[in-house]
Amino acid sequence: MALSRIWSAFIIVAIVVASIKCIFFGQTDIFNWMVIGKADDPLNPLKLDGMIETCWTAVNICLKLIGIMALFMGFMSIAERAGGIRLLSRIIAPFFSKLFPDVPKGHPATGHMVMNFSANLLGLDNAATPFGLKAMESLQELNPSKDVASNAQIMFLCLHASGLALIPVSIIAIRASLNSANPTEIFIPCMIATFAATMAAMFIVSFKQKISLLQPAILVWILSISAIIAALVLYLYTLNTKELQSFSGILSNGLILFIFLAIICGGLYKKIDIFDSFIEGAKGGFETAIKIIPYLVGMLIAISLLRTSGTFDIIINGLKAVCTALGADSRFIDGIPTALIRPLSGGGARGMMVDTITTHGADSFAGRLSSILQGSSDTTFYVVAVYFGAVNIKNTRYAIGAMLLADLVGICTAIGLCYLFFG
């Protein structure tokens, strides 16, 4: 119900804003660009895709996802039959049994969630999505109310949407391509901001579900993970841009190949039909990718209307006016568009970050802030549409509110860190 109301509000607000512009400000062509506009059309003043093009974009995303889903879910099927997922579940069980009390010890969902979090941590978006969708399917098996989000599903998605990532390589690469004097300078602020958002998500959902985070098993794991991340951050901070990108490629892509090798070896050891297992899993990946098309189309259309109607511009200008009236430093406002679009569209936020850097400079306050904001969270509404849609969840309960609150913590942390590191 919450998602339905938010989706409806997006469309209503966008159309009302566009109508006001058309009637009172003479922008008579705004409806045309909102519906049939193309971002690459030189005559399009908005430089944004309208609804029709956005529908194509949504379908193209899912078509590209089919192959990736088939690949990773095929290997996941081999790992399940070989017992690898259950082994991973037993290793992480002391921590996850406290954080996900409704998930039985040794259940495959635990292993799927660990794979998803690990992929996210290393910035492997292509791998994280199949693992995450598989985790949602496993958690749905335990869900007594199939159309209502369970506590475990909410905890998982809120942690996933917080976007904890270790190395923001794509952001560093963009900054380097836009002539930043020190592209890696946003590395530590990004790491701290996304970690703060993840911890906030954990605290918010734990409070709502009455889970105590002071349990020894949880504290030991959180402190251990924090120590490992801190040590790796200190090492990576000593590398230059080229060395950082090289290390990231070896760590992330090398890990994928190692996982595939381990899965194949495990399947051979257990003497299972490896290729047949892969095919069965791949079929499931194809079906899942097709299933999410309606959900993704619906969400991306609402987001497109908000952007093309100029609603975001109104919000930004309003924030600047408030800061000016209060006599506050308004430098951070120029970086805020990235934060506003980030929960709605990863590609849109990336485009907004590039636009901010191009306009103000890669090493300007706004350019640095937009870079940190891009790396501080994930695309909340995309995650909600895709992951809940994949298992036909209609009532998301408090999931969206918790995710947005965690996003807000990440945004506030990013702004504070930008002032702290860059004045």
Protein backbone atom coordinates (compact mmCIF):
# COMPACT_ATOMS: atom_id res chain seq x y z
CA MET A 1 0.00 0.00 0.00
CA ALA A 2 2.85 2.41 0.82
CA LEU A 3 4.45 1.85 -2.58
CA SER A 4 1.10 2.40 -4.29
CA ARG A 5 0.61 5.74 -2.56
CA ILE A 6 4.14 6.92 -3.28
CA TRP A 7 3.86 5.90 -6.93
CA SER A 8 0.53 7.69 -7.27
CA ALA A 9 1.93 10.80 -5.57
CA PHE A 10 4.88 10.90 -7.98
CA ILE A 11 2.57 10.91 -11.00
CA ILE A 12 0.03 13.37 -9.56
CA VAL A 13 2.67 15.88 -8.45
CA ALA A 14 4.51 15.67 -11.77
CA ILE A 15 1.38 16.25 -13.85
CA VAL A 16 0.16 19.08 -11.61
CA VAL A 17 3.55 20.85 -11.84
CA ALA A 18 3.62 20.40 -15.62
CA SER A 19 0.05 21.71 -15.92
CA ILE A 20 0.95 24.84 -13.95
CA LYS A 21 3.94 25.43 -16.22
CA CYS A 22 1.79 24.94 -19.31
CA ILE A 23 -1.14 27.15 -18.22
CA PHE A 24 0.59 29.93 -16.29
CA PHE A 25 4.12 30.03 -17.73
CA GLY A 26 3.45 29.35 -21.39
CA GLN A 27 5.44 26.11 -21.64
CA THR A 28 2.93 24.63 -24.08
CA ASP A 29 5.24 21.89 -25.32
CA ILE A 30 6.08 20.42 -21.91
CA PHE A 31 3.45 17.65 -22.20
CA ASN A 32 4.94 16.55 -25.54
CA TRP A 33 8.45 16.25 -24.10
CA MET A 34 7.13 14.44 -21.00
CA VAL A 35 5.49 11.78 -23.17
CA ILE A 36 7.55 11.45 -26.37
CA GLY A 37 10.75 13.33 -25.54
CA LYS A 38 14.16 11.85 -26.32
CA ALA A 39 17.28 12.84 -24.42
CA ASP A 40 19.40 12.89 -27.59
CA ASP A 41 16.96 15.11 -29.52
CA PRO A 42 18.70 18.48 -30.10
CA LEU A 43 15.28 20.19 -30.08
CA ASN A 44 14.40 18.77 -26.66
CA PRO A 45 15.06 21.55 -24.09
CA LEU A 46 14.76 19.08 -21.19
CA LYS A 47 17.47 16.71 -22.49
CA LEU A 48 15.58 13.91 -20.74
CA ASP A 49 13.71 10.85 -21.98
CA GLY A 50 9.91 10.96 -21.86
CA MET A 51 7.56 8.14 -20.89
CA ILE A 52 7.75 6.22 -24.18
CA GLU A 53 11.55 6.15 -24.25
CA THR A 54 11.61 5.31 -20.56
CA CYS A 55 9.46 2.23 -21.25
CA TRP A 56 12.07 1.10 -23.78
CA THR A 57 14.80 1.77 -21.24
CA ALA A 58 13.05 -0.38 -18.62
CA VAL A 59 12.64 -3.28 -21.06
CA ASN A 60 16.25 -2.95 -22.26
CA ILE A 61 17.46 -3.11 -18.65
CA CYS A 62 15.54 -6.35 -18.13
CA LEU A 63 16.72 -7.82 -21.45
CA LYS A 64 20.34 -7.14 -20.50
CA LEU A 65 19.61 -8.59 -17.08
CA ILE A 66 18.41 -11.90 -18.58
CA GLY A 67 21.88 -13.06 -19.56
CA ILE A 68 23.47 -11.93 -16.30
CA MET A 69 20.69 -13.54 -14.27
CA ALA A 70 20.97 -16.78 -16.22
CA LEU A 71 24.75 -16.89 -15.70
CA PHE A 72 24.85 -16.24 -11.97
CA MET A 73 21.70 -18.15 -11.04
CA GLY A 74 23.00 -21.08 -13.08
CA PHE A 75 26.15 -21.18 -10.96
CA MET A 76 24.05 -20.66 -7.82
CA SER A 77 22.06 -23.77 -8.74
CA ILE A 78 25.30 -25.78 -8.98
CA ALA A 79 26.41 -24.42 -5.59
CA GLU A 80 23.08 -25.36 -4.01
CA ARG A 81 23.14 -28.94 -5.28
CA ALA A 82 26.78 -29.30 -4.21
CA GLY A 83 25.98 -28.01 -0.70
CA GLY A 84 28.08 -24.85 -0.98
CA ILE A 85 25.27 -22.48 -0.03
CA ARG A 86 24.48 -24.49 3.09
CA LEU A 87 28.17 -24.48 4.05
CA LEU A 88 28.27 -20.71 3.71
CA SER A 89 25.08 -20.46 5.75
CA ARG A 90 26.59 -22.46 8.61
CA ILE A 91 29.69 -20.24 8.69
CA ILE A 92 27.71 -17.02 8.97
CA ALA A 93 24.89 -18.50 11.08
CA PRO A 94 26.04 -17.13 14.50
CA PHE A 95 25.62 -13.57 13.21
CA PHE A 96 22.65 -13.95 10.87
CA SER A 97 20.64 -16.05 13.34
CA LYS A 98 20.53 -12.98 15.62
CA LEU A 99 19.92 -10.43 12.87
CA PHE A 100 17.41 -12.66 11.04
CA PRO A 101 15.75 -14.64 13.83
CA ASP A 102 12.97 -15.88 11.53
CA VAL A 103 15.42 -17.62 9.19
CA PRO A 104 16.28 -21.17 10.34
CA LYS A 105 19.95 -22.00 10.85
CA GLY A 106 21.51 -23.47 7.73
CA HIS A 107 18.74 -22.22 5.44
CA PRO A 108 19.95 -21.44 1.88
CA ALA A 109 18.63 -17.86 2.20
CA THR A 110 21.54 -17.06 4.51
CA GLY A 111 24.11 -18.07 1.92
CA HIS A 112 22.30 -16.13 -0.81
CA MET A 113 22.25 -12.99 1.33
CA VAL A 114 25.95 -13.33 2.13
CA MET A 115 26.74 -13.61 -1.58
CA ASN A 116 24.67 -10.50 -2.27
CA PHE A 117 26.32 -8.43 0.46
CA SER A 118 29.77 -9.58 -0.65
CA ALA A 119 29.07 -8.61 -4.27
CA ASN A 120 27.77 -5.21 -3.17
CA LEU A 121 30.82 -4.64 -0.99
CA LEU A 122 33.10 -5.17 -3.98
CA GLY A 123 30.96 -3.06 -6.30
CA LEU A 124 29.84 -6.06 -8.39
CA ASP A 125 26.36 -4.79 -9.30
CA ASN A 126 25.90 -7.42 -12.02
CA ALA A 127 26.51 -10.20 -9.52
CA ALA A 128 24.69 -8.58 -6.59
CA THR A 129 21.30 -8.44 -8.34
CA PRO A 130 21.01 -12.18 -9.16
CA PHE A 131 22.23 -13.12 -5.67
CA GLY A 132 19.78 -10.65 -4.12
CA LEU A 133 16.82 -11.90 -6.13
CA LYS A 134 17.69 -15.47 -5.22
CA ALA A 135 17.83 -14.42 -1.56
CA MET A 136 14.36 -12.83 -1.84
CA GLU A 137 12.98 -16.04 -3.38
CA SER A 138 14.48 -18.10 -0.56
CA LEU A 139 13.07 -15.74 2.08
CA GLN A 140 9.69 -15.86 0.34
CA GLU A 141 9.59 -19.60 0.97
CA LEU A 142 9.64 -18.81 4.71
CA ASN A 143 7.10 -15.98 4.42
CA PRO A 144 3.70 -16.99 5.87
CA SER A 145 1.90 -14.08 4.12
CA LYS A 146 3.01 -14.24 0.51
CA ASP A 147 1.86 -10.74 -0.49
CA VAL A 148 3.17 -9.00 2.66
CA ALA A 149 6.89 -8.33 3.23
CA SER A 150 8.32 -10.42 6.07
CA ASN A 151 10.65 -9.07 8.76
CA ALA A 152 13.60 -10.93 7.22
CA GLN A 153 12.88 -9.54 3.74
CA ILE A 154 12.67 -6.00 5.08
CA MET A 155 15.94 -6.34 7.01
CA PHE A 156 17.69 -7.80 3.97
CA LEU A 157 16.47 -5.15 1.52
CA CYS A 158 17.18 -2.25 3.86
CA LEU A 159 20.76 -3.44 4.32
CA HIS A 160 21.06 -4.05 0.59
CA ALA A 161 19.64 -0.62 -0.34
CA SER A 162 22.09 1.15 1.96
CA GLY A 163 24.63 0.36 -0.76
CA LEU A 164 27.69 -0.59 1.32
CA ALA A 165 30.56 -0.64 -1.19
CA LEU A 166 34.27 -0.70 -0.54
CA ILE A 167 35.76 0.82 -3.68
CA PRO A 168 33.81 3.47 -5.69
CA VAL A 169 35.84 2.74 -8.82
CA SER A 170 33.29 4.08 -11.32
CA ILE A 171 33.10 7.40 -9.46
CA ILE A 172 36.88 7.69 -9.32
CA ALA A 173 37.11 6.88 -13.03
CA ILE A 174 34.53 9.56 -13.91
CA ARG A 175 36.37 12.14 -11.81
CA ALA A 176 39.64 11.23 -13.50
CA SER A 177 38.08 11.54 -16.95
CA LEU A 178 36.78 15.01 -16.01
CA ASN A 179 40.26 16.25 -15.11
CA SER A 180 40.22 16.03 -11.33
CA ALA A 181 43.61 16.81 -9.82
CA ASN A 182 43.08 14.04 -7.24
CA PRO A 183 40.29 11.65 -8.33
CA THR A 184 40.72 9.33 -5.32
CA GLU A 185 40.31 12.03 -2.67
CA ILE A 186 36.61 11.14 -2.22
CA PHE A 187 37.44 7.50 -1.46
CA ILE A 188 37.44 7.63 2.34
CA PRO A 189 34.43 10.00 2.61
CA CYS A 190 32.46 7.64 0.32
CA MET A 191 33.42 4.63 2.42
CA ILE A 192 32.44 6.33 5.69
CA ALA A 193 29.15 7.68 4.30
CA THR A 194 27.98 4.34 2.91
CA PHE A 195 29.03 2.55 6.09
CA ALA A 196 27.04 5.07 8.15
CA ALA A 197 23.98 4.46 5.94
CA THR A 198 24.32 0.69 6.38
CA MET A 199 24.64 0.95 10.14
CA ALA A 200 21.64 3.31 10.20
CA ALA A 201 19.58 0.81 8.22
CA MET A 202 20.54 -1.95 10.65
CA PHE A 203 19.67 0.17 13.71
CA ILE A 204 16.35 1.39 12.26
CA VAL A 205 15.06 -2.04 11.26
CA SER A 206 16.40 -3.69 14.43
CA PHE A 207 14.59 -1.09 16.54
CA LYS A 208 11.37 -1.68 14.59
CA GLN A 209 11.68 -5.46 14.88
CA LYS A 210 12.84 -5.31 18.52
CA ILE A 211 16.20 -6.97 17.78
CA SER A 212 18.96 -6.17 20.27
CA LEU A 213 22.25 -5.26 18.57
CA LEU A 214 24.11 -5.60 21.86
CA GLN A 215 24.19 -9.38 21.58
CA PRO A 216 27.80 -10.67 21.62
CA ALA A 217 27.48 -12.47 18.27
CA ILE A 218 26.31 -9.31 16.51
CA LEU A 219 28.88 -7.05 18.19
CA VAL A 220 31.78 -9.37 17.37
CA TRP A 221 30.82 -9.57 13.69
CA ILE A 222 30.18 -5.83 13.32
CA LEU A 223 33.44 -4.90 15.02
CA SER A 224 35.38 -7.51 13.04
CA ILE A 225 33.94 -6.35 9.73
CA SER A 226 34.61 -2.72 10.68
CA ALA A 227 38.24 -3.55 11.53
CA ILE A 228 38.78 -5.40 8.23
CA ILE A 229 37.23 -2.56 6.22
CA ALA A 230 39.29 0.03 8.10
CA ALA A 231 42.52 -1.90 7.45
CA LEU A 232 41.71 -2.28 3.75
CA VAL A 233 40.75 1.39 3.47
CA LEU A 234 44.08 2.42 4.99
CA TYR A 235 45.92 0.25 2.47
CA LEU A 236 43.89 1.45 -0.52
CA TYR A 237 44.36 5.07 0.49
CA THR A 238 48.10 4.66 -0.13
CA LEU A 239 47.49 3.72 -3.79
CA ASN A 240 47.27 6.15 -6.67
CA THR A 241 44.36 6.15 -9.14
CA LYS A 242 45.91 3.65 -11.55
CA GLU A 243 46.98 1.28 -8.76
CA LEU A 244 43.55 1.53 -7.11
CA GLN A 245 41.72 0.66 -10.33
CA SER A 246 44.10 -2.24 -10.96
CA PHE A 247 43.70 -3.59 -7.43
CA SER A 248 39.92 -3.25 -7.66
CA GLY A 249 39.80 -5.19 -10.91
CA ILE A 250 41.94 -7.99 -9.52
CA LEU A 251 39.99 -8.17 -6.25
CA SER A 252 36.47 -7.96 -7.66
CA ASN A 253 36.70 -9.80 -10.98
CA GLY A 254 39.28 -12.23 -9.63
CA LEU A 255 36.92 -13.10 -6.80
CA ILE A 256 34.10 -13.86 -9.25
CA LEU A 257 36.33 -16.26 -11.18
CA PHE A 258 37.51 -17.85 -7.92
CA ILE A 259 33.88 -18.37 -6.82
CA PHE A 260 33.04 -19.98 -10.16
CA LEU A 261 36.09 -22.24 -9.86
CA ALA A 262 35.16 -23.24 -6.29
CA ILE A 263 31.59 -24.00 -7.33
CA ILE A 264 32.68 -26.19 -10.26
CA CYS A 265 35.23 -28.04 -8.10
CA GLY A 266 32.59 -28.55 -5.41
CA GLY A 267 30.17 -29.94 -7.99
CA LEU A 268 32.80 -32.34 -9.30
CA TYR A 269 33.63 -33.45 -5.76
CA LYS A 270 29.95 -34.13 -5.02
CA LYS A 271 29.59 -35.88 -8.41
CA ILE A 272 26.49 -33.96 -9.47
CA ASP A 273 25.39 -33.25 -13.04
CA ILE A 274 27.02 -29.82 -13.25
CA PHE A 275 25.75 -28.67 -16.64
CA ASP A 276 22.20 -29.83 -15.98
CA SER A 277 22.26 -27.95 -12.67
CA PHE A 278 23.48 -24.83 -14.46
CA ILE A 279 20.70 -25.04 -17.06
CA GLU A 280 18.01 -25.43 -14.39
CA GLY A 281 19.26 -22.39 -12.52
CA ALA A 282 19.65 -20.37 -15.72
CA LYS A 283 16.00 -21.05 -16.63
CA GLY A 284 15.00 -19.54 -13.30
CA GLY A 285 17.12 -16.47 -14.02
CA PHE A 286 15.33 -15.95 -17.34
CA GLU A 287 11.90 -16.23 -15.71
CA THR A 288 12.80 -13.82 -12.90
CA ALA A 289 14.16 -11.19 -15.30
CA ILE A 290 10.95 -11.27 -17.37
CA LYS A 291 8.76 -11.15 -14.27
CA ILE A 292 10.14 -7.81 -13.06
CA ILE A 293 9.49 -5.90 -16.32
CA PRO A 294 6.03 -4.53 -15.29
CA TYR A 295 7.32 -3.37 -11.91
CA LEU A 296 10.35 -1.66 -13.41
CA VAL A 297 8.32 0.03 -16.17
CA GLY A 298 5.87 1.41 -13.62
CA MET A 299 8.55 2.81 -11.31
CA LEU A 300 10.76 4.30 -14.04
CA ILE A 301 7.78 6.03 -15.68
CA ALA A 302 6.87 7.75 -12.41
CA ILE A 303 10.48 8.85 -11.94
CA SER A 304 10.66 10.10 -15.53
CA LEU A 305 7.56 12.25 -15.01
CA LEU A 306 9.06 13.82 -11.90
CA ARG A 307 12.24 14.70 -13.75
CA THR A 308 10.71 15.96 -17.00
CA SER A 309 8.06 18.04 -15.21
CA GLY A 310 10.79 20.07 -13.51
CA THR A 311 9.71 19.05 -10.00
CA PHE A 312 13.33 18.46 -8.99
CA ASP A 313 14.33 21.95 -10.17
CA ILE A 314 11.61 23.48 -8.03
CA ILE A 315 12.84 21.60 -4.96
CA ILE A 316 16.46 22.67 -5.53
CA ASN A 317 15.55 26.32 -6.07
CA GLY A 318 13.38 26.21 -2.95
CA LEU A 319 16.23 24.84 -0.85
CA LYS A 320 18.57 27.56 -2.11
CA ALA A 321 16.02 30.24 -1.23
CA VAL A 322 15.63 28.82 2.30
CA CYS A 323 19.41 28.75 2.86
CA THR A 324 19.78 32.30 1.56
CA ALA A 325 16.97 33.50 3.82
CA LEU A 326 18.57 31.84 6.85
CA GLY A 327 22.04 33.13 5.98
CA ALA A 328 23.38 29.56 5.85
CA ASP A 329 26.12 28.23 3.64
CA SER A 330 24.33 27.11 0.47
CA ARG A 331 27.32 25.54 -1.32
CA PHE A 332 26.01 22.06 -0.60
CA ILE A 333 22.76 22.75 -2.48
CA ASP A 334 24.50 22.47 -5.85
CA GLY A 335 25.36 18.84 -5.02
CA ILE A 336 21.93 17.93 -3.68
CA PRO A 337 20.33 16.99 -7.07
CA THR A 338 22.47 13.84 -7.08
CA ALA A 339 21.13 12.90 -3.63
CA LEU A 340 17.51 13.52 -4.67
CA ILE A 341 17.73 11.42 -7.81
CA ARG A 342 19.93 8.67 -6.34
CA PRO A 343 17.05 6.81 -4.58
CA LEU A 344 15.06 6.96 -7.82
CA SER A 345 17.56 6.21 -10.58
CA GLY A 346 21.19 5.11 -10.47
CA GLY A 347 21.80 6.18 -14.07
CA GLY A 348 20.01 9.48 -13.50
CA ALA A 349 22.09 10.19 -10.40
CA ARG A 350 25.28 9.35 -12.29
CA GLY A 351 24.24 11.75 -15.04
CA MET A 352 23.46 14.42 -12.46
CA MET A 353 26.87 13.90 -10.84
CA VAL A 354 28.59 14.32 -14.22
CA ASP A 355 26.52 17.43 -14.91
CA THR A 356 27.45 18.92 -11.52
CA ILE A 357 31.15 18.18 -12.04
CA THR A 358 31.05 19.59 -15.58
CA THR A 359 29.29 22.76 -14.41
CA HIS A 360 31.23 23.48 -11.20
CA GLY A 361 34.45 21.52 -11.71
CA ALA A 362 35.63 18.13 -10.46
CA ASP A 363 37.54 19.63 -7.55
CA SER A 364 34.88 22.16 -6.55
CA PHE A 365 32.90 21.69 -3.35
CA ALA A 366 29.77 20.77 -5.34
CA GLY A 367 31.72 18.37 -7.56
CA ARG A 368 33.25 16.58 -4.59
CA LEU A 369 29.95 16.45 -2.71
CA SER A 370 28.03 15.02 -5.66
CA SER A 371 30.71 12.32 -5.99
CA ILE A 372 30.41 11.37 -2.31
CA LEU A 373 26.60 11.40 -2.49
CA GLN A 374 26.70 9.11 -5.54
CA GLY A 375 28.64 6.56 -3.50
CA SER A 376 26.71 6.89 -0.24
CA SER A 377 23.56 4.85 -1.01
CA ASP A 378 21.74 2.70 -3.54
CA THR A 379 18.66 3.24 -5.73
CA THR A 380 15.93 2.67 -3.14
CA PHE A 381 12.85 2.72 -5.37
CA TYR A 382 14.53 0.60 -8.05
CA VAL A 383 15.41 -1.95 -5.37
CA VAL A 384 11.84 -1.92 -4.03
CA ALA A 385 10.30 -2.33 -7.49
CA VAL A 386 12.64 -5.09 -8.65
CA TYR A 387 13.12 -7.15 -5.49
CA PHE A 388 9.60 -7.02 -4.09
CA GLY A 389 8.21 -7.34 -7.61
CA ALA A 390 10.21 -10.51 -8.23
CA VAL A 391 8.34 -12.29 -5.41
CA ASN A 392 4.98 -10.50 -5.89
CA ILE A 393 5.06 -8.61 -2.60
CA LYS A 394 2.31 -5.97 -2.60
CA ASN A 395 2.47 -4.71 1.00
CA THR A 396 6.01 -3.47 1.71
CA ARG A 397 5.08 -2.33 5.25
CA TYR A 398 7.70 0.10 6.63
CA ALA A 399 10.48 -0.95 4.23
CA ILE A 400 10.44 2.21 2.09
CA GLY A 401 10.39 4.52 5.10
CA ALA A 402 13.33 2.70 6.70
CA MET A 403 15.33 2.78 3.46
CA LEU A 404 14.71 6.49 2.90
CA LEU A 405 15.65 7.27 6.50
CA ALA A 406 18.91 5.35 6.05
CA ASP A 407 19.45 7.28 2.80
CA LEU A 408 18.95 10.52 4.73
CA VAL A 409 21.61 9.47 7.24
CA GLY A 410 23.97 8.76 4.36
CA ILE A 411 23.23 12.15 2.76
CA CYS A 412 23.74 14.09 6.00
CA THR A 413 26.94 12.16 6.69
CA ALA A 414 28.20 12.86 3.15
CA ILE A 415 27.53 16.59 3.51
CA GLY A 416 29.25 16.71 6.91
CA LEU A 417 32.26 14.77 5.60
CA CYS A 418 32.58 17.05 2.57
CA TYR A 419 32.78 20.10 4.86
CA LEU A 420 35.19 18.22 7.15
CA PHE A 421 37.55 17.02 4.39
CA PHE A 422 37.26 19.84 1.87
CA GLY A 423 36.09 22.87 3.88
